[in-house]
Amino acid sequence: MICLLEVVKNGDLQSKLIFEAGKCCDAMYKTPYGRMPFTFDTKQVSFKAEPDKMTVEVFYEIRNGGIKLSANRTVLEITPL
């Protein structure tokens, strides 16, 4: 099963990221000061569905010019309104 998460940001900072385990996503952040290239190296994506919520967890590294800038973990909890 393929676990994939797509994140789109709009506004002053714009980007489109695709997180898929074992794959890299090149993204260009558009800021008021210009464009900045980054590579997102996804290590793991997991989804957990429960009756009252869904949890998405992503582990990834951010790189620029081949240099590792950070290691990250993002957790999203989605609940009904």
N, C-alpha and C. Protein backbone atom coordinates (compact mmCIF):
# COMPACT_ATOMS: atom_id res chain seq x y z
N MET A 1 0.83 -1.17 0.00
CA MET A 1 0.00 0.00 0.00
C MET A 1 0.89 1.25 0.00
N ILE A 2 0.57 2.20 -0.84
CA ILE A 2 1.32 3.45 -0.92
C ILE A 2 0.70 4.46 0.04
N CYS A 3 1.52 4.99 0.94
CA CYS A 3 1.10 6.06 1.84
C CYS A 3 1.65 7.36 1.29
N LEU A 4 0.78 8.29 0.99
CA LEU A 4 1.17 9.52 0.34
C LEU A 4 0.41 10.68 0.94
N LEU A 5 1.09 11.78 1.19
CA LEU A 5 0.45 12.98 1.70
C LEU A 5 0.87 14.15 0.83
N GLU A 6 -0.10 14.92 0.35
CA GLU A 6 0.17 16.11 -0.45
C GLU A 6 -0.26 17.33 0.36
N VAL A 7 0.64 18.32 0.46
CA VAL A 7 0.37 19.54 1.22
C VAL A 7 0.54 20.73 0.28
N VAL A 8 -0.50 21.56 0.22
CA VAL A 8 -0.46 22.76 -0.62
C VAL A 8 -0.63 23.98 0.27
N LYS A 9 0.30 24.93 0.15
CA LYS A 9 0.23 26.18 0.91
C LYS A 9 -0.01 27.32 -0.07
N ASN A 10 -0.95 28.20 0.28
CA ASN A 10 -1.23 29.38 -0.52
C ASN A 10 -1.07 30.62 0.35
N GLY A 11 -1.00 31.76 -0.28
CA GLY A 11 -0.82 33.01 0.45
C GLY A 11 0.53 33.60 0.12
N ASP A 12 1.10 34.37 1.08
CA ASP A 12 2.40 34.99 0.86
C ASP A 12 3.49 33.95 0.63
N LEU A 13 3.43 32.82 1.37
CA LEU A 13 4.35 31.70 1.16
C LEU A 13 3.59 30.60 0.44
N GLN A 14 4.05 30.22 -0.73
CA GLN A 14 3.36 29.22 -1.53
C GLN A 14 4.26 28.03 -1.77
N SER A 15 3.67 26.83 -1.67
CA SER A 15 4.43 25.62 -1.98
C SER A 15 3.48 24.46 -2.19
N LYS A 16 3.98 23.42 -2.82
CA LYS A 16 3.26 22.16 -2.98
C LYS A 16 4.25 21.05 -2.68
N LEU A 17 3.95 20.24 -1.66
CA LEU A 17 4.84 19.17 -1.24
C LEU A 17 4.14 17.83 -1.34
N ILE A 18 4.87 16.82 -1.76
CA ILE A 18 4.35 15.45 -1.79
C ILE A 18 5.28 14.60 -0.93
N PHE A 19 4.71 14.02 0.13
CA PHE A 19 5.46 13.17 1.05
C PHE A 19 5.12 11.72 0.74
N GLU A 20 6.11 10.96 0.28
CA GLU A 20 5.96 9.53 0.02
C GLU A 20 7.24 8.85 0.50
N ALA A 21 7.09 7.86 1.37
CA ALA A 21 8.24 7.20 2.00
C ALA A 21 9.25 6.73 0.96
N GLY A 22 10.53 7.04 1.22
CA GLY A 22 11.61 6.62 0.34
C GLY A 22 11.80 7.49 -0.89
N LYS A 23 11.04 8.59 -1.00
CA LYS A 23 11.16 9.45 -2.18
C LYS A 23 11.46 10.88 -1.76
N CYS A 24 12.06 11.61 -2.70
CA CYS A 24 12.36 13.02 -2.49
C CYS A 24 11.41 13.87 -3.32
N CYS A 25 11.11 15.04 -2.79
CA CYS A 25 10.25 16.00 -3.47
C CYS A 25 10.99 17.32 -3.54
N ASP A 26 11.23 17.80 -4.75
CA ASP A 26 11.84 19.11 -4.92
C ASP A 26 10.74 20.15 -4.92
N ALA A 27 10.93 21.19 -4.12
CA ALA A 27 9.90 22.22 -4.01
C ALA A 27 10.55 23.59 -4.08
N MET A 28 9.82 24.52 -4.66
CA MET A 28 10.28 25.89 -4.75
C MET A 28 9.33 26.73 -3.90
N TYR A 29 9.84 27.23 -2.79
CA TYR A 29 9.04 28.12 -1.93
C TYR A 29 9.04 29.50 -2.56
N LYS A 30 7.85 30.04 -2.78
CA LYS A 30 7.71 31.40 -3.30
C LYS A 30 7.44 32.31 -2.12
N THR A 31 8.35 33.25 -1.88
CA THR A 31 8.20 34.19 -0.77
C THR A 31 8.18 35.61 -1.34
N PRO A 32 7.80 36.58 -0.53
CA PRO A 32 7.84 37.97 -1.00
C PRO A 32 9.25 38.42 -1.36
N TYR A 33 10.27 37.68 -0.91
CA TYR A 33 11.67 38.05 -1.15
C TYR A 33 12.32 37.26 -2.28
N GLY A 34 11.56 36.37 -2.89
CA GLY A 34 12.10 35.56 -3.98
C GLY A 34 11.79 34.09 -3.80
N ARG A 35 12.33 33.28 -4.67
CA ARG A 35 12.08 31.83 -4.65
C ARG A 35 13.25 31.11 -3.97
N MET A 36 12.92 30.07 -3.19
CA MET A 36 13.95 29.30 -2.48
C MET A 36 13.75 27.82 -2.76
N PRO A 37 14.77 27.13 -3.34
CA PRO A 37 14.62 25.70 -3.63
C PRO A 37 14.96 24.84 -2.42
N PHE A 38 14.14 23.82 -2.18
CA PHE A 38 14.37 22.85 -1.11
C PHE A 38 14.07 21.45 -1.63
N THR A 39 14.71 20.45 -1.02
CA THR A 39 14.39 19.05 -1.28
C THR A 39 13.88 18.45 0.02
N PHE A 40 12.73 17.79 -0.06
CA PHE A 40 12.14 17.11 1.09
C PHE A 40 12.34 15.61 0.89
N ASP A 41 13.12 15.00 1.76
CA ASP A 41 13.46 13.58 1.69
C ASP A 41 12.61 12.85 2.72
N THR A 42 11.55 12.20 2.26
CA THR A 42 10.59 11.55 3.16
C THR A 42 11.11 10.19 3.60
N LYS A 43 11.19 10.00 4.89
CA LYS A 43 11.65 8.75 5.47
C LYS A 43 10.50 7.80 5.77
N GLN A 44 9.39 8.35 6.30
CA GLN A 44 8.26 7.50 6.70
C GLN A 44 6.97 8.32 6.68
N VAL A 45 5.87 7.69 6.24
CA VAL A 45 4.54 8.27 6.29
C VAL A 45 3.62 7.19 6.85
N SER A 46 2.82 7.56 7.85
CA SER A 46 1.87 6.58 8.38
C SER A 46 0.52 7.23 8.63
N PHE A 47 -0.53 6.44 8.45
CA PHE A 47 -1.90 6.87 8.67
C PHE A 47 -2.53 5.92 9.68
N LYS A 48 -3.28 6.48 10.63
CA LYS A 48 -4.00 5.65 11.59
C LYS A 48 -5.43 6.18 11.67
N ALA A 49 -6.39 5.33 11.31
CA ALA A 49 -7.80 5.71 11.35
C ALA A 49 -8.46 5.14 12.59
N GLU A 50 -9.14 6.01 13.31
CA GLU A 50 -9.91 5.62 14.49
C GLU A 50 -11.34 6.13 14.29
N PRO A 51 -12.29 5.64 15.07
CA PRO A 51 -13.68 6.08 14.88
C PRO A 51 -13.88 7.59 14.98
N ASP A 52 -13.11 8.27 15.84
CA ASP A 52 -13.33 9.70 16.06
C ASP A 52 -12.25 10.61 15.48
N LYS A 53 -11.21 10.02 14.87
CA LYS A 53 -10.16 10.86 14.28
C LYS A 53 -9.26 10.04 13.37
N MET A 54 -8.48 10.77 12.58
CA MET A 54 -7.44 10.16 11.75
C MET A 54 -6.14 10.87 12.10
N THR A 55 -5.06 10.10 12.23
CA THR A 55 -3.74 10.66 12.53
C THR A 55 -2.80 10.35 11.38
N VAL A 56 -2.08 11.37 10.94
CA VAL A 56 -1.07 11.23 9.89
C VAL A 56 0.26 11.66 10.50
N GLU A 57 1.29 10.82 10.34
CA GLU A 57 2.61 11.13 10.88
C GLU A 57 3.63 11.03 9.75
N VAL A 58 4.48 12.06 9.62
CA VAL A 58 5.48 12.11 8.56
C VAL A 58 6.85 12.43 9.16
N PHE A 59 7.85 11.62 8.81
CA PHE A 59 9.25 11.88 9.17
C PHE A 59 9.97 12.24 7.88
N TYR A 60 10.69 13.39 7.87
CA TYR A 60 11.36 13.82 6.65
C TYR A 60 12.54 14.73 6.98
N GLU A 61 13.45 14.87 6.01
CA GLU A 61 14.58 15.78 6.11
C GLU A 61 14.41 16.87 5.06
N ILE A 62 14.87 18.06 5.41
CA ILE A 62 14.88 19.16 4.45
C ILE A 62 16.32 19.43 4.06
N ARG A 63 16.55 19.53 2.73
CA ARG A 63 17.89 19.77 2.20
C ARG A 63 17.85 20.97 1.25
N ASN A 64 18.99 21.63 1.15
CA ASN A 64 19.16 22.72 0.19
C ASN A 64 20.56 22.58 -0.37
N GLY A 65 20.66 22.44 -1.69
CA GLY A 65 21.97 22.26 -2.31
C GLY A 65 22.69 21.02 -1.83
N GLY A 66 21.94 19.98 -1.46
CA GLY A 66 22.53 18.74 -0.98
C GLY A 66 22.92 18.76 0.49
N ILE A 67 22.74 19.89 1.15
CA ILE A 67 23.09 20.01 2.56
C ILE A 67 21.84 19.80 3.43
N LYS A 68 21.95 18.91 4.40
CA LYS A 68 20.83 18.64 5.31
C LYS A 68 20.66 19.83 6.24
N LEU A 69 19.46 20.43 6.20
CA LEU A 69 19.15 21.57 7.05
C LEU A 69 18.45 21.16 8.34
N SER A 70 17.60 20.12 8.24
CA SER A 70 16.86 19.69 9.43
C SER A 70 16.26 18.31 9.24
N ALA A 71 15.98 17.65 10.38
CA ALA A 71 15.23 16.40 10.42
C ALA A 71 13.92 16.74 11.13
N ASN A 72 12.80 16.28 10.56
CA ASN A 72 11.49 16.74 11.03
C ASN A 72 10.50 15.61 11.24
N ARG A 73 9.58 15.88 12.13
CA ARG A 73 8.44 14.99 12.37
C ARG A 73 7.21 15.89 12.44
N THR A 74 6.21 15.59 11.61
CA THR A 74 4.96 16.33 11.62
C THR A 74 3.82 15.36 11.88
N VAL A 75 2.93 15.73 12.80
CA VAL A 75 1.76 14.92 13.12
C VAL A 75 0.52 15.76 12.88
N LEU A 76 -0.41 15.22 12.09
CA LEU A 76 -1.69 15.86 11.84
C LEU A 76 -2.79 15.01 12.46
N GLU A 77 -3.66 15.63 13.23
CA GLU A 77 -4.84 14.93 13.76
C GLU A 77 -6.06 15.56 13.13
N ILE A 78 -6.84 14.75 12.45
CA ILE A 78 -8.03 15.21 11.73
C ILE A 78 -9.25 14.68 12.45
N THR A 79 -10.13 15.61 12.86
CA THR A 79 -11.35 15.23 13.57
C THR A 79 -12.56 15.87 12.90
N PRO A 80 -13.73 15.26 13.02
CA PRO A 80 -14.93 15.88 12.46
C PRO A 80 -15.30 17.15 13.24
N LEU A 81 -15.96 18.06 12.56
CA LEU A 81 -16.40 19.30 13.22
C LEU A 81 -17.59 19.06 14.12
